Protein backbone atom coordinates (compact mmCIF):
# COMPACT_ATOMS: atom_id res chain seq x y z
CA MET A 1 -61.08 -6.61 7.43
CA PRO A 2 -57.87 -8.50 6.54
CA LYS A 3 -54.96 -6.41 5.34
CA SER A 4 -54.47 -8.53 2.22
CA PHE A 5 -58.07 -7.98 1.20
CA GLN A 6 -57.79 -4.28 2.00
CA LYS A 7 -54.79 -4.06 -0.33
CA THR A 8 -56.76 -5.82 -3.09
CA LYS A 9 -59.69 -3.48 -2.57
CA THR A 10 -57.40 -0.44 -2.51
CA ARG A 11 -55.81 -1.48 -5.81
CA ALA A 12 -59.26 -1.93 -7.33
CA ILE A 13 -60.32 1.52 -6.15
CA VAL A 14 -57.14 3.05 -7.58
CA VAL A 15 -57.81 1.38 -10.96
CA VAL A 16 -61.41 2.65 -10.98
CA VAL A 17 -60.37 6.18 -10.01
CA LEU A 18 -57.70 6.22 -12.72
CA ALA A 19 -60.30 5.05 -15.25
CA VAL A 20 -62.67 7.83 -14.16
CA LEU A 21 -59.84 10.38 -14.41
CA LEU A 22 -59.00 9.11 -17.89
CA ILE A 23 -62.61 9.52 -18.99
CA ALA A 24 -62.78 12.95 -17.32
CA THR A 25 -59.56 13.99 -19.10
CA SER A 26 -61.00 12.97 -22.45
CA LEU A 27 -64.16 14.95 -21.71
CA THR A 28 -62.07 18.05 -21.02
CA GLY A 29 -60.99 18.01 -24.63
CA CYS A 30 -62.14 21.20 -26.31
CA VAL A 31 -64.10 22.00 -29.45
CA THR A 32 -65.11 25.31 -30.99
CA ASN A 33 -68.73 26.24 -30.33
CA SER A 34 -71.06 28.32 -32.51
CA ALA A 35 -69.78 31.53 -30.89
CA GLY A 36 -66.23 30.70 -31.98
CA GLU A 37 -65.11 29.99 -28.40
CA SER A 38 -63.32 26.93 -27.14
CA GLU A 39 -65.59 24.75 -24.98
CA SER A 40 -64.99 21.42 -23.26
CA ILE A 41 -66.78 18.26 -24.38
CA PHE A 42 -67.85 17.79 -20.75
CA SER A 43 -69.63 21.14 -20.86
CA ILE A 44 -71.43 20.32 -24.11
CA ILE A 45 -72.52 16.80 -23.12
CA LEU A 46 -73.47 17.34 -19.45
CA VAL A 47 -73.35 20.97 -18.28
CA ARG A 48 -75.38 22.54 -21.09
CA PRO A 49 -78.33 20.10 -20.77
CA PHE A 50 -78.53 20.67 -17.01
CA ALA A 51 -78.33 24.43 -17.60
CA TRP A 52 -81.21 24.20 -20.07
CA ILE A 53 -83.32 22.36 -17.46
CA LEU A 54 -82.57 24.96 -14.76
CA ASP A 55 -83.29 27.85 -17.15
CA TRP A 56 -86.58 26.24 -18.21
CA ILE A 57 -87.64 25.76 -14.58
CA TYR A 58 -86.80 29.39 -13.78
CA GLY A 59 -88.80 30.58 -16.80
CA TRP A 60 -91.74 28.52 -15.55
CA CYS A 61 -91.73 29.55 -11.87
CA GLY A 62 -90.05 32.98 -12.13
CA ASN A 63 -88.09 32.63 -8.88
CA PHE A 64 -84.47 31.50 -8.77
CA GLY A 65 -84.63 30.08 -5.23
CA LEU A 66 -87.65 27.95 -6.06
CA ALA A 67 -86.05 26.99 -9.38
CA LEU A 68 -82.96 25.72 -7.52
CA ILE A 69 -85.09 23.55 -5.23
CA LEU A 70 -87.10 22.09 -8.13
CA PHE A 71 -83.89 21.64 -10.12
CA CYS A 72 -82.37 19.74 -7.19
CA LEU A 73 -85.46 17.54 -6.94
CA ILE A 74 -85.40 16.69 -10.65
CA THR A 75 -81.68 15.89 -10.71
CA ARG A 76 -82.07 13.71 -7.61
CA MET A 77 -84.77 11.78 -9.44
CA ILE A 78 -82.42 11.36 -12.42
CA LEU A 79 -79.71 9.95 -10.15
CA LEU A 80 -82.12 7.79 -8.13
CA PRO A 81 -81.56 4.52 -10.08
CA PHE A 82 -77.78 4.81 -9.54
CA ASN A 83 -78.26 5.64 -5.86
CA ILE A 84 -80.62 2.69 -5.34
CA LYS A 85 -78.04 0.33 -6.84
CA SER A 86 -75.35 1.79 -4.59
CA LYS A 87 -77.64 1.51 -1.55
CA ARG A 88 -78.38 -2.13 -2.35
CA SER A 89 -74.67 -2.95 -2.54
CA MET A 90 -73.89 -1.19 0.74
CA LEU A 91 -76.73 -2.88 2.64
CA ARG A 92 -75.82 -6.32 1.37
CA MET A 93 -72.16 -5.75 2.20
CA GLN A 94 -73.02 -4.68 5.73
CA ALA A 95 -75.36 -7.68 6.16
CA LEU A 96 -72.36 -9.89 5.40
CA GLN A 97 -70.35 -8.57 8.35
CA PRO A 98 -71.20 -11.51 10.71
CA LYS A 99 -69.94 -14.01 8.15
CA ILE A 100 -66.81 -11.94 7.51
CA LYS A 101 -66.09 -11.87 11.25
CA GLU A 102 -66.54 -15.65 11.39
CA ILE A 103 -63.92 -16.05 8.66
CA GLU A 104 -61.54 -13.75 10.54
CA LYS A 105 -62.01 -15.78 13.72
CA LYS A 106 -61.62 -19.06 11.87
CA TYR A 107 -58.31 -18.04 10.26
CA PRO A 108 -56.86 -15.43 12.67
CA ASN A 109 -53.25 -15.90 11.57
CA ASP A 110 -53.72 -16.65 7.88
CA LYS A 111 -54.51 -13.42 6.03
CA ASN A 112 -54.26 -15.04 2.64
CA LYS A 113 -56.81 -17.71 3.60
CA GLN A 114 -59.10 -14.97 4.92
CA SER A 115 -58.99 -13.20 1.56
CA ILE A 116 -59.66 -16.42 -0.36
CA GLU A 117 -62.62 -17.32 1.86
CA MET A 118 -64.10 -13.83 1.63
CA MET A 119 -63.81 -13.71 -2.14
CA ALA A 120 -65.54 -17.10 -2.25
CA LEU A 121 -68.24 -15.71 0.04
CA TYR A 122 -68.78 -12.69 -2.22
CA LYS A 123 -68.99 -14.99 -5.26
CA LYS A 124 -71.48 -17.28 -3.50
CA GLU A 125 -73.71 -14.37 -2.47
CA ASN A 126 -73.26 -12.68 -5.87
CA ILE A 127 -72.02 -9.48 -4.23
CA SER A 128 -69.35 -7.16 -5.54
CA PRO A 129 -67.42 -5.39 -2.75
CA MET A 130 -66.83 -2.55 -5.21
CA GLY A 131 -70.49 -2.26 -6.25
CA GLY A 132 -71.31 0.72 -4.04
CA CYS A 133 -68.09 2.53 -4.96
CA LEU A 134 -68.57 2.06 -8.71
CA THR A 135 -72.10 3.45 -8.77
CA SER A 136 -71.04 6.35 -6.55
CA LEU A 137 -68.20 7.18 -8.96
CA ILE A 138 -70.66 7.15 -11.87
CA THR A 139 -72.64 9.95 -10.21
CA LEU A 140 -69.57 12.15 -9.63
CA PRO A 141 -69.40 13.62 -13.18
CA LEU A 142 -73.13 14.36 -12.95
CA MET A 143 -72.71 16.17 -9.64
CA PHE A 144 -69.90 18.29 -11.12
CA ALA A 145 -72.15 19.10 -14.08
CA LEU A 146 -74.82 20.40 -11.69
CA TYR A 147 -72.44 22.91 -10.11
CA TRP A 148 -71.60 25.02 -13.15
CA PRO A 149 -75.08 26.23 -14.18
CA ILE A 150 -75.60 27.48 -10.63
CA SER A 151 -72.22 29.13 -10.19
CA GLN A 152 -72.02 30.61 -13.73
CA PRO A 153 -75.56 31.67 -14.69
CA LEU A 154 -74.41 34.28 -17.23
CA ARG A 155 -72.50 31.71 -19.25
CA TYR A 156 -74.86 28.76 -18.92
CA LEU A 157 -78.33 30.23 -18.29
CA MET A 158 -78.20 33.44 -20.31
CA ARG A 159 -75.70 31.80 -22.70
CA LEU A 160 -73.48 34.87 -22.96
CA THR A 161 -70.03 34.60 -24.50
CA SER A 162 -66.89 35.43 -22.53
CA ALA A 163 -66.61 38.71 -24.42
CA GLU A 164 -70.21 39.65 -23.58
CA ILE A 165 -69.70 38.80 -19.90
CA GLY A 166 -66.58 40.98 -19.93
CA LEU A 167 -68.53 43.88 -21.45
CA VAL A 168 -71.29 43.50 -18.84
CA ARG A 169 -68.74 43.53 -16.03
CA GLU A 170 -66.96 46.57 -17.45
CA LYS A 171 -70.23 48.47 -17.84
CA LEU A 172 -71.33 47.70 -14.29
CA ILE A 173 -67.96 48.82 -12.93
CA GLU A 174 -68.14 51.99 -15.04
CA ILE A 175 -71.52 53.03 -13.62
CA GLY A 176 -70.50 52.14 -10.06
CA ALA A 177 -73.03 49.31 -9.66
CA LYS A 178 -73.22 47.59 -6.28
CA VAL A 179 -74.48 44.29 -4.93
CA GLY A 180 -75.66 45.19 -1.47
CA ASP A 181 -72.94 47.47 -0.16
CA VAL A 182 -70.17 45.93 -2.26
CA ALA A 183 -69.16 47.53 -5.55
CA VAL A 184 -68.91 45.32 -8.63
CA SER A 185 -65.26 44.48 -9.39
CA ALA A 186 -63.19 42.18 -11.57
CA ASN A 187 -63.58 39.47 -8.90
CA THR A 188 -67.36 39.68 -8.53
CA SER A 189 -68.97 36.27 -9.05
CA GLU A 190 -71.47 35.67 -11.85
CA MET A 191 -74.23 35.08 -9.30
CA ALA A 192 -73.58 38.55 -7.89
CA LEU A 193 -73.41 40.03 -11.40
CA VAL A 194 -76.90 38.66 -12.08
CA ARG A 195 -78.23 40.75 -9.19
CA ALA A 196 -76.35 43.81 -10.45
CA ILE A 197 -77.82 43.26 -13.93
CA SER A 198 -81.33 43.17 -12.48
CA ASP A 199 -80.74 46.46 -10.63
CA ASN A 200 -79.12 48.12 -13.68
CA TYR A 201 -80.86 46.38 -16.55
CA GLU A 202 -81.29 49.46 -18.75
CA ALA A 203 -77.56 50.15 -18.64
CA VAL A 204 -76.49 46.66 -19.85
CA SER A 205 -79.45 45.39 -21.90
CA SER A 206 -78.03 46.77 -25.15
CA ILE A 207 -74.92 44.55 -24.86
CA SER A 208 -76.87 41.42 -25.86
CA ASP A 209 -80.48 40.47 -26.47
CA LYS A 210 -79.84 37.33 -24.38
CA ILE A 211 -79.54 39.38 -21.18
CA TYR A 212 -82.64 39.40 -18.99
CA PRO A 213 -83.30 40.45 -15.38
CA MET A 214 -83.38 37.48 -13.00
CA ASP A 215 -85.18 37.55 -9.66
CA LEU A 216 -82.64 36.30 -7.11
CA SER A 217 -84.78 37.14 -4.07
CA PHE A 218 -85.99 34.18 -2.03
CA LEU A 219 -87.75 34.44 1.34
CA GLY A 220 -86.46 37.98 1.65
CA MET A 221 -82.84 36.99 0.90
CA ASN A 222 -80.62 37.95 -2.03
CA LEU A 223 -79.23 34.68 -3.38
CA GLY A 224 -76.59 36.56 -5.35
CA ALA A 225 -74.96 37.89 -2.16
CA THR A 226 -72.30 35.98 -0.21
CA PRO A 227 -72.87 35.36 3.53
CA ASN A 228 -70.11 36.61 5.81
CA PHE A 229 -69.24 36.77 9.49
CA GLN A 230 -69.40 40.56 9.64
CA VAL A 231 -73.05 40.97 8.65
CA PHE A 232 -75.54 39.21 10.93
CA ASN A 233 -78.66 38.67 8.82
CA ALA A 234 -80.73 35.84 7.34
CA LEU A 235 -77.92 34.92 4.94
CA PHE A 236 -75.61 34.28 7.90
CA PHE A 237 -77.66 31.22 8.91
CA LEU A 238 -77.65 29.54 5.48
CA PRO A 239 -74.13 28.01 5.74
CA ILE A 240 -74.91 26.83 9.29
CA ILE A 241 -78.17 25.22 8.16
CA SER A 242 -76.32 23.70 5.20
CA ALA A 243 -73.70 22.14 7.50
CA GLY A 244 -76.37 20.95 9.96
CA THR A 245 -78.49 19.26 7.30
CA SER A 246 -75.35 17.71 5.81
CA TYR A 247 -74.51 16.12 9.15
CA LEU A 248 -78.13 15.01 9.58
CA LEU A 249 -78.03 13.33 6.17
CA MET A 250 -74.88 11.40 7.12
CA TYR A 251 -76.42 10.38 10.47
CA VAL A 252 -79.74 9.25 8.95
CA THR A 253 -77.92 7.29 6.22
CA ARG A 254 -75.86 5.39 8.81
CA TRP A 255 -78.88 4.83 11.10
CA LEU A 256 -81.06 3.44 8.29
CA GLN A 257 -78.23 1.22 7.12
CA GLU A 258 -77.83 -0.28 10.60
CA LYS A 259 -81.60 -0.69 11.01
CA ALA A 260 -82.00 -2.40 7.63
CA THR A 261 -79.21 -4.94 8.17
CA GLY A 262 -79.26 -5.33 11.94
CA GLN A 263 -75.50 -4.73 11.90
CA LYS A 264 -73.53 -1.85 13.36
CA ALA A 265 -71.62 0.16 10.79
CA PRO A 266 -67.84 -0.32 11.19
CA ALA A 267 -66.36 2.44 13.33
CA GLU A 268 -63.43 3.10 11.01
CA SER A 269 -61.49 6.35 11.13
CA GLN A 270 -62.34 7.18 7.51
CA ASN A 271 -66.05 6.86 8.27
CA LYS A 272 -65.74 9.28 11.17
CA MET A 273 -63.74 11.65 8.99
CA MET A 274 -66.43 11.64 6.26
CA THR A 275 -69.12 12.30 8.89
CA TRP A 276 -67.49 15.63 9.68
CA LEU A 277 -65.79 16.41 6.37
CA MET A 278 -68.97 17.07 4.37
CA PRO A 279 -70.61 19.37 6.98
CA LEU A 280 -67.38 21.36 7.37
CA MET A 281 -67.06 21.63 3.58
CA SER A 282 -70.68 22.83 3.40
CA LEU A 283 -69.95 25.46 6.05
CA TRP A 284 -66.83 26.70 4.26
CA ILE A 285 -68.50 26.82 0.83
CA GLY A 286 -71.53 28.57 2.35
CA PHE A 287 -69.40 31.47 3.60
CA THR A 288 -67.27 31.80 0.46
CA LEU A 289 -69.78 31.50 -2.41
CA PRO A 290 -73.14 33.16 -3.23
CA ALA A 291 -76.12 32.12 -1.11
CA GLY A 292 -77.80 30.39 -4.05
CA LEU A 293 -75.36 27.50 -3.72
CA ALA A 294 -76.18 27.17 0.01
CA ILE A 295 -79.89 26.96 -0.87
CA TYR A 296 -79.07 24.23 -3.40
CA TRP A 297 -77.03 22.30 -0.80
CA ILE A 298 -79.75 22.60 1.86
CA ALA A 299 -82.40 21.42 -0.60
CA GLY A 300 -80.13 18.56 -1.68
CA ASN A 301 -79.54 17.46 1.92
CA LEU A 302 -83.23 17.55 2.88
CA ILE A 303 -84.27 15.74 -0.31
CA GLY A 304 -81.41 13.30 0.31
CA ILE A 305 -82.79 12.45 3.76
CA LEU A 306 -86.21 11.68 2.28
CA GLN A 307 -84.51 9.76 -0.50
CA GLU A 308 -82.62 7.60 2.02
CA PHE A 309 -85.91 6.51 3.61
CA LEU A 310 -87.36 5.81 0.15
CA MET A 311 -84.32 3.86 -1.07
CA THR A 312 -84.12 1.79 2.11
CA TYR A 313 -87.81 0.92 1.75
CA ILE A 314 -87.40 0.00 -1.94
CA VAL A 315 -84.31 -2.12 -1.33
CA LYS A 316 -85.85 -3.99 1.63
CA LYS A 317 -89.11 -4.66 -0.23
CA ASN A 318 -87.38 -5.74 -3.43
CA PRO A 319 -87.41 -9.56 -3.50
CA LYS A 320 -84.13 -9.54 -5.46
CA THR A 321 -82.36 -8.08 -2.44
CA PRO A 322 -81.52 -11.04 -0.17
CA LEU A 323 -80.72 -9.14 3.03
CA GLU A 324 -82.35 -11.89 5.10
CA GLU A 325 -80.44 -14.57 3.21
CA VAL A 326 -77.08 -12.85 3.17
CA ASP A 327 -76.60 -12.71 6.93
CA LYS A 328 -77.34 -16.38 7.69
CA PRO A 329 -76.64 -18.20 10.01
CA ASN A 330 -77.25 -15.04 12.01
CA GLY A 331 -80.28 -14.12 9.91
CA ASN A 332 -82.94 -15.30 12.36
CA LYS A 333 -81.41 -13.39 15.24
CA ASN A 334 -81.03 -10.25 13.12
CA ARG A 335 -84.60 -10.44 11.85
CA LYS A 336 -85.84 -10.51 15.43
CA LYS A 337 -83.94 -7.32 16.09
CA ARG A 338 -85.52 -5.76 13.03
């Protein structure tokens, strides 16, 4: 891709990111909630509704692991329209690669002319090169909102105040409560505290009538515990499975994209970096945070793989998606490959 166009695209991305950051900053503005505590607008508008959904699902099924999987499925369905739009933009952009290469060959020494011709091509095909990025950025605040109800169940599921959470922690420390073989401390995560509350419910139930015992067991595993390299048990495999399914999702996404357009995905260094970045991040998070988050990531990756097949099918079957028209004059040859 010409350097001049890359610079234009980079500037556009920077503008979009700055706009998203500006919106995010405004959402971090705080108001006083009914408990007299300061709470961000982001939490009220996005986090609390997602927490209510997760809490409702748990109350219905009675198992936190199953609730996480169903929660992941529901939120994926909510984000599906945005993801389909992003998928459509990416497939159409990739189908344009033969024409883009023709422009580059036609004007090998005139970068400015390349940019002009490509912008004219995008206008003719009614394609926005930023379409996929914009819809992906829209989903980012939603993905952040999904994280908090899972990582802070006392605050968002049981709806305890900071003072009540502090009293629960102090009481559990006072009675010497443990999660597995690890004693509750000032640094114990809320997911781990939930397990400690279940094991010592009588000791902390008087602190608030909103406290209730949650079942964090799933397939014989304690989702409130954190996997580590020193204890070789079922939890140890969760981060590895999370990283493996993350890589599989990236691979399937790229494979379906190439199959749908008949064009090889560009072998750019940033693409290769992303292929490994997400699995490594999944592995690191899996060994540093409670196992419940690893279950959520695994469910998200597996549902994401199924979703990629579904989105590719929808986009290809949608008559408004001119994949066959976009890649002319190479369209006939590409259709034979497909």
